Amino acid sequence: MASPVITGYYRYTDIFFEWHQALPNPEDRSPLKALLAQDALVHPDHPLRREGVEGAELYLGTLQNFESRLLFSSAQVEYLRYWLHSMQLTKNPIPLPYSDCLLTESSLRHVSTVHFKTREELRNALKQVEKNNKRLKGVDPTLNARRDIFERVRSLWAQKSGTWCALDFEAWDRDHTLLTEFGWSTVRWDGESKVEEQGHFTVREHKYYTNTFVEDNRQHFAFGTSKELNKATFKRRIQTFIGDLKKLGPLFLIFHDNNQDIKYLKSKDVDVQLPNLGFLLPEVLPKDGVFVLDTSDLFAALEGESGNDRRSLERVCRHLQISTSYLHNAGNDAHYTMLALISMASGEHIDMQRERRWPNRTQNLSIPNAPQTGAGVKVNFETWEEDDDFSDQEGVCGPIIDPSQLNTRNDEEE
């Protein structure tokens, strides 16, 4: 067995099933196998248990072909071999796995930590990873691209650095070039402390332009006090606001369906200078720069949508169980966009997060006419989850079920 010269990760299955069998000394196999047993891994006294971390800590990595694998780090593998020797369970430190088994940084798109409190959680995760890999074979490349962005956002958010700013504009619904509101919600870090701010501006000259087709809630900002400004001050304050944020390091501008809001930022009535606006997220946290995030894309990745069916902000918040009120107020919409970003970015790996939020709701691999390459990971939402009227009644009566489906459901339960 050759020792690797660089650090990386080993597949859980290689370590669990193969490592002990490859040991040259048969007497070393049983101690290693016992140490890697699933019951042992989740035990509070296991040598890999880190202080302050509840559960066994492993890693979930995404390969370059977009498949996922549960992993041990090379540091964990090194520690296990020396622990066995220091406990006198092996005569000498056992050899490392073959270096060909090591997954280096170039082999992986993303890696994130995962924790398992019980053997059942670990087993279920292994099964789920295998199922998801089968479902993702042959899916639309757009979905893979969205999933890649989702994991990059999670990685960048976990570093607690940079400034994250959700923005929203409102315009008169009879003339979308006539701006009426601007709102923002920011998160940044001062050491380990998270600093949050919200704000809302309205345009004095446009105060009497009320909406006809879209709800008008400019007087109902829920997260502070609105400021009414004349057009010149409105423009100057937004320019100064964005300019000051850019000086703090990397700036992540968060929108929900960004196309129109970016046009407003660059319009003559706002004219924010963003010459190097980045639409591709960096793999590593940069020292500066301005980057665009879109919560409609992130949610599409989470629910497994590969097409152009983008959810509204209200629908995204409903599915993420974020309570909303007085939408179509720019300040409120910006803050709910930020809450949606935080909810997704601070969660688990995309597949684990989707399964936790909506258990057993992805397309079944055995569905009729499903492509042989994979059935996808699209979440099947119920009617009461999608329709406003159903949602209002659900809180009182529970989900409304089509009577024609009752016999089918009862048969499935039996």
Protein backbone atom coordinates (compact mmCIF):
# COMPACT_ATOMS: atom_id res chain seq x y z
CA MET A 1 0.00 0.00 0.00
CA ALA A 2 1.38 3.37 -1.02
CA SER A 3 0.91 6.43 1.18
CA PRO A 4 -0.66 9.49 -0.45
CA VAL A 5 1.47 12.60 -0.59
CA ILE A 6 -1.48 15.01 -0.55
CA THR A 7 -4.64 15.28 1.49
CA GLY A 8 -8.14 14.66 0.26
CA TYR A 9 -11.06 12.32 0.87
CA TYR A 10 -11.83 8.62 0.69
CA ARG A 11 -15.16 7.13 -0.28
CA TYR A 12 -17.03 5.80 2.72
CA THR A 13 -17.67 2.52 0.91
CA ASP A 14 -13.95 2.03 0.17
CA ILE A 15 -13.04 2.55 3.83
CA PHE A 16 -15.95 0.57 5.27
CA PHE A 17 -15.86 -2.45 2.94
CA GLU A 18 -12.35 -2.62 1.47
CA TRP A 19 -9.73 -1.16 3.78
CA HIS A 20 -9.69 -3.92 6.40
CA GLN A 21 -9.68 -6.63 3.74
CA ALA A 22 -6.57 -5.13 2.12
CA LEU A 23 -4.49 -5.17 5.31
CA PRO A 24 -1.50 -7.54 5.03
CA ASN A 25 -1.69 -8.61 8.67
CA PRO A 26 -4.92 -10.59 9.29
CA GLU A 27 -4.79 -9.75 13.01
CA ASP A 28 -5.28 -6.06 12.22
CA ARG A 29 -8.49 -6.57 10.31
CA SER A 30 -10.92 -7.17 13.18
CA PRO A 31 -9.95 -4.06 15.24
CA LEU A 32 -10.30 -1.82 12.18
CA LYS A 33 -13.60 -3.39 11.14
CA ALA A 34 -14.99 -2.92 14.65
CA LEU A 35 -13.88 0.73 14.72
CA LEU A 36 -15.64 1.39 11.41
CA ALA A 37 -18.89 -0.36 12.35
CA GLN A 38 -21.86 1.97 12.02
CA ASP A 39 -22.88 1.49 15.66
CA ALA A 40 -19.35 2.44 16.70
CA LEU A 41 -19.11 5.49 14.41
CA VAL A 42 -22.18 7.15 15.95
CA HIS A 43 -21.19 6.35 19.56
CA PRO A 44 -20.27 9.40 21.67
CA ASP A 45 -16.94 7.79 22.65
CA HIS A 46 -15.75 7.11 19.10
CA PRO A 47 -12.27 8.59 18.53
CA LEU A 48 -13.50 10.62 15.54
CA ARG A 49 -16.16 12.39 17.60
CA ARG A 50 -15.30 16.10 17.78
CA GLU A 51 -15.99 18.13 20.89
CA GLY A 52 -19.09 20.25 20.56
CA VAL A 53 -20.36 18.29 17.54
CA GLU A 54 -23.41 16.11 18.03
CA GLY A 55 -23.18 12.93 16.02
CA ALA A 56 -20.61 11.27 13.77
CA GLU A 57 -19.00 13.76 11.40
CA LEU A 58 -18.45 12.67 7.81
CA TYR A 59 -18.41 14.50 4.49
CA LEU A 60 -20.65 14.58 1.44
CA GLY A 61 -18.85 15.34 -1.79
CA THR A 62 -20.02 16.04 -5.33
CA LEU A 63 -17.90 14.47 -8.07
CA GLN A 64 -17.14 16.19 -11.36
CA ASN A 65 -19.91 14.12 -13.02
CA PHE A 66 -22.36 15.55 -10.43
CA GLU A 67 -22.78 12.27 -8.53
CA SER A 68 -22.52 12.43 -4.72
CA ARG A 69 -20.47 10.27 -2.39
CA LEU A 70 -20.28 9.96 1.39
CA LEU A 71 -16.66 10.47 2.42
CA PHE A 72 -14.06 10.20 5.15
CA SER A 73 -11.34 12.84 5.13
CA SER A 74 -7.76 11.68 4.77
CA ALA A 75 -7.10 13.27 8.18
CA GLN A 76 -9.75 11.03 9.74
CA VAL A 77 -8.26 7.95 8.10
CA GLU A 78 -4.79 8.90 9.34
CA TYR A 79 -6.11 9.43 12.87
CA LEU A 80 -7.87 6.04 12.96
CA ARG A 81 -4.71 4.11 12.10
CA TYR A 82 -2.65 5.88 14.74
CA TRP A 83 -5.40 5.60 17.35
CA LEU A 84 -5.57 1.84 16.85
CA HIS A 85 -1.82 1.62 17.32
CA SER A 86 -1.72 3.91 20.38
CA MET A 87 -4.48 1.81 21.99
CA GLN A 88 -2.29 -1.26 21.30
CA LEU A 89 -4.99 -2.80 19.14
CA THR A 90 -2.50 -3.16 16.31
CA LYS A 91 1.20 -3.97 16.64
CA ASN A 92 2.17 -1.29 14.11
CA PRO A 93 0.30 1.55 12.41
CA ILE A 94 -1.72 -0.11 9.68
CA PRO A 95 -1.02 0.92 6.08
CA LEU A 96 -3.11 3.63 4.44
CA PRO A 97 -5.48 2.74 1.60
CA TYR A 98 -4.03 2.84 -1.88
CA SER A 99 -3.33 6.38 -3.04
CA ASP A 100 -5.46 5.68 -6.13
CA CYS A 101 -8.48 5.64 -3.80
CA LEU A 102 -7.84 9.21 -2.67
CA LEU A 103 -10.18 11.88 -4.08
CA THR A 104 -8.28 15.13 -4.40
CA GLU A 105 -9.64 18.66 -4.79
CA SER A 106 -9.60 18.34 -8.58
CA SER A 107 -11.87 15.28 -8.33
CA LEU A 108 -14.62 17.10 -6.42
CA ARG A 109 -16.91 20.03 -7.14
CA HIS A 110 -17.99 20.54 -3.54
CA VAL A 111 -17.52 19.00 -0.12
CA SER A 112 -19.61 19.70 2.98
CA THR A 113 -19.76 18.20 6.46
CA VAL A 114 -22.68 15.99 7.48
CA HIS A 115 -23.57 14.58 10.91
CA PHE A 116 -25.34 11.41 11.94
CA LYS A 117 -26.68 10.80 15.43
CA THR A 118 -27.82 7.21 14.89
CA ARG A 119 -26.94 4.20 12.80
CA GLU A 120 -30.33 4.50 11.08
CA GLU A 121 -29.57 8.07 9.97
CA LEU A 122 -26.27 6.93 8.50
CA ARG A 123 -27.81 3.96 6.70
CA ASN A 124 -30.66 6.05 5.34
CA ALA A 125 -28.20 8.65 4.06
CA LEU A 126 -26.23 5.99 2.18
CA LYS A 127 -29.42 4.69 0.58
CA GLN A 128 -30.57 8.20 -0.30
CA VAL A 129 -27.25 9.09 -1.92
CA GLU A 130 -27.48 5.98 -4.09
CA LYS A 131 -31.09 6.74 -5.08
CA ASN A 132 -30.29 10.35 -5.95
CA ASN A 133 -27.34 9.34 -8.11
CA LYS A 134 -29.64 7.04 -10.10
CA ARG A 135 -32.29 9.74 -10.42
CA LEU A 136 -29.80 12.33 -11.63
CA LYS A 137 -28.44 10.24 -14.51
CA GLY A 138 -29.33 11.91 -17.76
CA VAL A 139 -31.14 14.92 -16.25
CA ASP A 140 -31.18 18.25 -18.06
CA PRO A 141 -27.76 19.99 -17.79
CA THR A 142 -29.59 23.11 -16.57
CA LEU A 143 -30.53 21.31 -13.35
CA ASN A 144 -26.95 20.20 -12.78
CA ALA A 145 -25.79 23.80 -13.27
CA ARG A 146 -28.37 25.03 -10.74
CA ARG A 147 -27.40 22.34 -8.24
CA ASP A 148 -23.76 23.38 -8.65
CA ILE A 149 -24.65 27.01 -7.86
CA PHE A 150 -26.70 25.91 -4.85
CA GLU A 151 -23.74 24.09 -3.32
CA ARG A 152 -21.39 26.99 -4.05
CA VAL A 153 -23.75 29.34 -2.22
CA ARG A 154 -23.84 26.98 0.77
CA SER A 155 -20.04 26.83 0.81
CA LEU A 156 -19.62 30.61 0.58
CA TRP A 157 -22.29 31.33 3.19
CA ALA A 158 -20.69 28.87 5.64
CA GLN A 159 -17.52 30.99 5.65
CA LYS A 160 -19.37 33.88 7.35
CA SER A 161 -17.63 36.52 5.31
CA GLY A 162 -18.50 39.19 2.78
CA THR A 163 -21.67 41.26 2.60
CA TRP A 164 -24.91 39.66 1.48
CA CYS A 165 -27.53 42.13 0.31
CA ALA A 166 -31.03 41.37 -0.97
CA LEU A 167 -32.48 44.16 -3.12
CA ASP A 168 -35.88 44.87 -4.60
CA PHE A 169 -37.49 47.67 -6.61
CA GLU A 170 -41.16 48.38 -7.13
CA ALA A 171 -42.49 50.32 -10.11
CA TRP A 172 -45.89 51.64 -11.13
CA ASP A 173 -47.72 48.75 -12.76
CA ARG A 174 -48.94 50.94 -15.64
CA ASP A 175 -45.43 52.15 -16.50
CA HIS A 176 -42.55 50.00 -15.29
CA THR A 177 -40.01 52.74 -15.97
CA LEU A 178 -41.54 54.82 -13.17
CA LEU A 179 -39.92 53.66 -9.92
CA THR A 180 -41.86 53.99 -6.67
CA GLU A 181 -39.84 52.02 -4.06
CA PHE A 182 -36.47 50.53 -3.19
CA GLY A 183 -35.84 48.06 -0.35
CA TRP A 184 -32.87 46.15 1.00
CA SER A 185 -31.89 43.60 3.62
CA THR A 186 -28.22 42.98 4.45
CA VAL A 187 -26.23 40.42 6.41
CA ARG A 188 -22.53 40.71 7.19
CA TRP A 189 -20.26 39.46 9.96
CA ASP A 190 -18.29 41.24 12.65
CA GLY A 191 -16.11 38.41 13.83
CA GLU A 192 -18.57 35.66 14.73
CA SER A 193 -21.46 38.12 15.18
CA LYS A 194 -24.01 38.42 12.38
CA VAL A 195 -25.02 42.02 11.64
CA GLU A 196 -28.41 42.49 9.94
CA GLU A 197 -29.99 45.67 8.55
CA GLN A 198 -33.13 46.46 6.57
CA GLY A 199 -34.40 49.60 4.86
CA HIS A 200 -37.05 51.06 2.55
CA PHE A 201 -37.19 54.19 0.38
CA THR A 202 -40.17 55.61 -1.50
CA VAL A 203 -40.16 58.32 -4.20
CA ARG A 204 -41.98 61.49 -3.20
CA GLU A 205 -42.80 62.64 -6.75
CA HIS A 206 -44.44 59.26 -7.47
CA LYS A 207 -46.47 58.87 -4.27
CA TYR A 208 -49.81 59.27 -6.04
CA TYR A 209 -49.06 56.65 -8.70
CA THR A 210 -50.95 53.76 -7.14
CA ASN A 211 -51.10 50.30 -8.67
CA THR A 212 -54.14 48.96 -10.44
CA PHE A 213 -53.20 45.38 -11.29
CA VAL A 214 -50.66 44.61 -8.53
CA GLU A 215 -51.21 45.03 -4.82
CA ASP A 216 -49.86 48.39 -3.57
CA ASN A 217 -48.27 48.06 -0.12
CA ARG A 218 -45.68 50.83 -0.12
CA GLN A 219 -47.05 52.17 3.19
CA HIS A 220 -46.72 48.82 4.96
CA PHE A 221 -42.98 48.27 5.45
CA ALA A 222 -42.80 45.72 8.28
CA PHE A 223 -39.12 45.87 9.26
CA GLY A 224 -38.43 49.50 10.12
CA THR A 225 -39.45 53.00 9.12
CA SER A 226 -39.82 53.98 5.46
CA LYS A 227 -38.08 57.09 4.20
CA GLU A 228 -39.75 59.24 1.55
CA LEU A 229 -37.13 60.88 -0.70
CA ASN A 230 -37.24 63.10 -3.75
CA LYS A 231 -36.02 61.55 -7.00
CA ALA A 232 -32.54 63.07 -6.84
CA THR A 233 -31.96 61.98 -3.24
CA PHE A 234 -33.44 58.53 -3.96
CA LYS A 235 -30.88 58.07 -6.72
CA ARG A 236 -27.96 59.40 -4.68
CA ARG A 237 -28.77 57.36 -1.58
CA ILE A 238 -28.91 54.10 -3.51
CA GLN A 239 -25.63 54.86 -5.26
CA THR A 240 -23.95 55.65 -1.92
CA PHE A 241 -25.48 52.58 -0.29
CA ILE A 242 -24.15 50.16 -2.93
CA GLY A 243 -20.82 51.98 -3.12
CA ASP A 244 -20.27 51.67 0.63
CA LEU A 245 -21.10 47.95 0.59
CA LYS A 246 -18.56 47.33 -2.19
CA LYS A 247 -15.81 48.79 0.01
CA LEU A 248 -16.37 46.09 2.68
CA GLY A 249 -15.08 43.22 0.54
CA PRO A 250 -16.97 40.73 -1.65
CA LEU A 251 -20.58 41.78 -2.17
CA PHE A 252 -23.30 39.28 -3.00
CA LEU A 253 -26.38 40.95 -4.46
CA ILE A 254 -29.44 38.76 -3.96
CA PHE A 255 -32.56 39.06 -6.09
CA HIS A 256 -35.65 37.03 -6.73
CA ASP A 257 -35.73 36.77 -10.53
CA ASN A 258 -32.98 39.31 -11.06
CA ASN A 259 -33.55 40.46 -14.63
CA GLN A 260 -35.80 43.47 -13.99
CA ASP A 261 -34.13 44.63 -10.77
CA ILE A 262 -30.68 44.74 -12.40
CA LYS A 263 -32.17 46.84 -15.19
CA TYR A 264 -33.51 49.24 -12.54
CA LEU A 265 -30.07 49.46 -10.88
CA LYS A 266 -28.54 50.46 -14.22
CA SER A 267 -31.38 52.77 -15.30
CA LYS A 268 -30.94 56.56 -15.47
CA ASP A 269 -33.11 56.98 -12.35
CA VAL A 270 -30.66 54.94 -10.22
CA ASP A 271 -27.46 54.60 -12.30
CA VAL A 272 -25.41 52.40 -9.97
CA GLN A 273 -22.01 51.66 -11.51
CA LEU A 274 -21.47 47.88 -11.67
CA PRO A 275 -18.93 47.42 -14.48
CA ASN A 276 -17.71 43.96 -13.44
CA LEU A 277 -20.90 42.40 -12.14
CA GLY A 278 -20.32 38.65 -11.82
CA PHE A 279 -23.03 36.15 -12.72
CA LEU A 280 -20.76 33.15 -12.15
CA LEU A 281 -20.07 32.44 -8.48
CA PRO A 282 -16.43 31.86 -7.54
CA GLU A 283 -15.40 28.50 -6.10
CA VAL A 284 -13.28 30.23 -3.45
CA LEU A 285 -14.34 33.29 -1.46
CA PRO A 286 -12.72 36.30 -3.18
CA LYS A 287 -11.32 39.41 -1.50
CA ASP A 288 -13.60 41.75 -3.47
CA GLY A 289 -16.02 41.88 -6.40
CA VAL A 290 -19.81 42.00 -6.86
CA PHE A 291 -21.73 38.78 -7.58
CA VAL A 292 -25.37 38.07 -8.37
CA LEU A 293 -27.46 35.42 -6.63
CA ASP A 294 -31.04 34.57 -7.53
CA THR A 295 -33.31 32.83 -5.03
CA SER A 296 -35.63 31.67 -7.81
CA ASP A 297 -32.70 29.70 -9.28
CA LEU A 298 -31.71 28.34 -5.87
CA PHE A 299 -35.22 27.13 -5.15
CA ALA A 300 -35.46 25.60 -8.62
CA ALA A 301 -32.33 23.60 -7.79
CA LEU A 302 -33.76 22.54 -4.44
CA GLU A 303 -37.08 21.35 -5.84
CA GLY A 304 -35.43 19.73 -8.86
CA GLU A 305 -36.85 22.04 -11.55
CA SER A 306 -34.80 22.05 -14.75
CA GLY A 307 -37.13 24.17 -16.89
CA ASN A 308 -38.34 27.76 -16.82
CA ASP A 309 -41.04 27.26 -14.18
CA ARG A 310 -39.69 29.81 -11.71
CA ARG A 311 -41.60 30.16 -8.47
CA SER A 312 -42.84 33.52 -7.24
CA LEU A 313 -41.37 34.88 -4.02
CA GLU A 314 -44.65 34.20 -2.23
CA ARG A 315 -44.64 30.57 -3.41
CA VAL A 316 -40.98 30.04 -2.48
CA CYS A 317 -41.56 31.40 1.02
CA ARG A 318 -44.62 29.21 1.44
CA HIS A 319 -42.71 26.06 0.49
CA LEU A 320 -39.83 27.06 2.79
CA GLN A 321 -42.35 27.77 5.60
CA ILE A 322 -41.45 31.45 5.83
CA SER A 323 -44.45 33.54 6.91
CA THR A 324 -45.05 36.64 4.78
CA SER A 325 -47.25 39.72 4.90
CA TYR A 326 -47.63 42.79 2.67
CA LEU A 327 -45.72 41.46 -0.29
CA HIS A 328 -45.10 43.92 -3.16
CA ASN A 329 -43.54 46.30 -0.66
CA ALA A 330 -39.91 46.59 -1.80
CA GLY A 331 -38.52 46.50 1.74
CA ASN A 332 -40.60 43.49 2.74
CA ASP A 333 -39.82 41.62 -0.48
CA ALA A 334 -36.09 42.24 -0.04
CA HIS A 335 -36.21 40.90 3.52
CA TYR A 336 -38.22 37.81 2.56
CA THR A 337 -35.76 37.20 -0.27
CA MET A 338 -32.95 37.32 2.29
CA LEU A 339 -34.81 34.92 4.61
CA ALA A 340 -35.30 32.51 1.70
CA LEU A 341 -31.58 32.70 0.88
CA ILE A 342 -30.61 32.06 4.50
CA SER A 343 -33.04 29.16 4.81
CA MET A 344 -31.49 27.38 1.83
CA ALA A 345 -27.84 28.45 2.22
CA SER A 346 -27.62 27.48 5.89
CA GLY A 347 -29.19 24.07 5.37
CA GLU A 348 -27.69 20.68 4.58
CA HIS A 349 -26.45 19.37 1.24
CA ILE A 350 -29.11 19.94 -1.42
CA ASP A 351 -30.35 16.34 -1.54
CA MET A 352 -30.45 15.91 2.22
CA GLN A 353 -32.18 19.27 2.58
CA ARG A 354 -34.78 18.41 -0.04
CA GLU A 355 -35.52 15.08 1.63
CA ARG A 356 -35.81 16.65 5.08
CA ARG A 357 -38.20 19.34 3.85
CA TRP A 358 -40.33 17.06 1.65
CA PRO A 359 -39.74 13.41 2.63
CA ASN A 360 -40.37 10.82 -0.09
CA ARG A 361 -41.81 13.41 -2.47
CA THR A 362 -39.45 13.10 -5.44
CA GLN A 363 -40.45 11.28 -8.59
CA ASN A 364 -40.59 7.53 -8.24
CA LEU A 365 -38.00 5.60 -10.23
CA SER A 366 -40.71 3.18 -11.31
CA ILE A 367 -43.12 5.76 -12.73
CA PRO A 368 -44.55 4.84 -16.14
CA ASN A 369 -42.58 6.00 -19.18
CA ALA A 370 -39.75 7.35 -17.01
CA PRO A 371 -36.48 7.58 -18.98
CA GLN A 372 -34.13 4.70 -18.28
CA THR A 373 -31.28 7.07 -17.49
CA GLY A 374 -33.05 8.46 -14.42
CA ALA A 375 -36.36 9.90 -13.30
CA GLY A 376 -35.07 13.16 -11.84
CA VAL A 377 -35.39 14.64 -8.38
CA LYS A 378 -38.40 16.93 -8.92
CA VAL A 379 -40.53 17.36 -5.80
CA ASN A 380 -44.19 16.49 -6.28
CA PHE A 381 -46.14 19.15 -4.40
CA GLU A 382 -49.76 18.55 -3.49
CA THR A 383 -52.52 20.79 -4.83
CA TRP A 384 -53.12 22.31 -1.40
CA GLU A 385 -49.46 23.34 -1.28
CA GLU A 386 -49.60 25.10 -4.64
CA ASP A 387 -52.99 26.82 -4.65
CA ASP A 388 -53.67 29.92 -2.56
CA ASP A 389 -57.27 28.94 -1.77
CA PHE A 390 -56.32 25.41 -0.78
CA SER A 391 -53.57 26.78 1.45
CA ASP A 392 -56.01 28.98 3.38
CA GLN A 393 -58.27 26.02 4.11
CA GLU A 394 -55.47 23.60 4.91
CA GLY A 395 -54.71 25.23 8.23
CA VAL A 396 -58.25 24.49 9.42
CA CYS A 397 -59.17 21.27 7.66
CA GLY A 398 -55.85 19.73 6.64
CA PRO A 399 -54.98 18.92 3.03
CA ILE A 400 -58.02 18.65 0.77
CA ILE A 401 -58.04 15.27 -0.96
CA ASP A 402 -59.79 14.42 -4.22
CA PRO A 403 -62.44 11.82 -3.23
CA SER A 404 -61.50 9.73 -6.27
CA GLN A 405 -58.07 9.23 -4.73
CA LEU A 406 -59.31 7.96 -1.36
CA ASN A 407 -59.48 4.29 -2.34
CA THR A 408 -56.06 4.46 -3.94
CA ARG A 409 -54.52 6.04 -0.83
CA ASN A 410 -56.20 3.56 1.50
CA ASP A 411 -54.91 0.65 -0.59
CA GLU A 412 -51.38 2.08 -0.44
CA GLU A 413 -51.55 2.51 3.35
CA GLU A 414 -52.73 -1.08 3.81
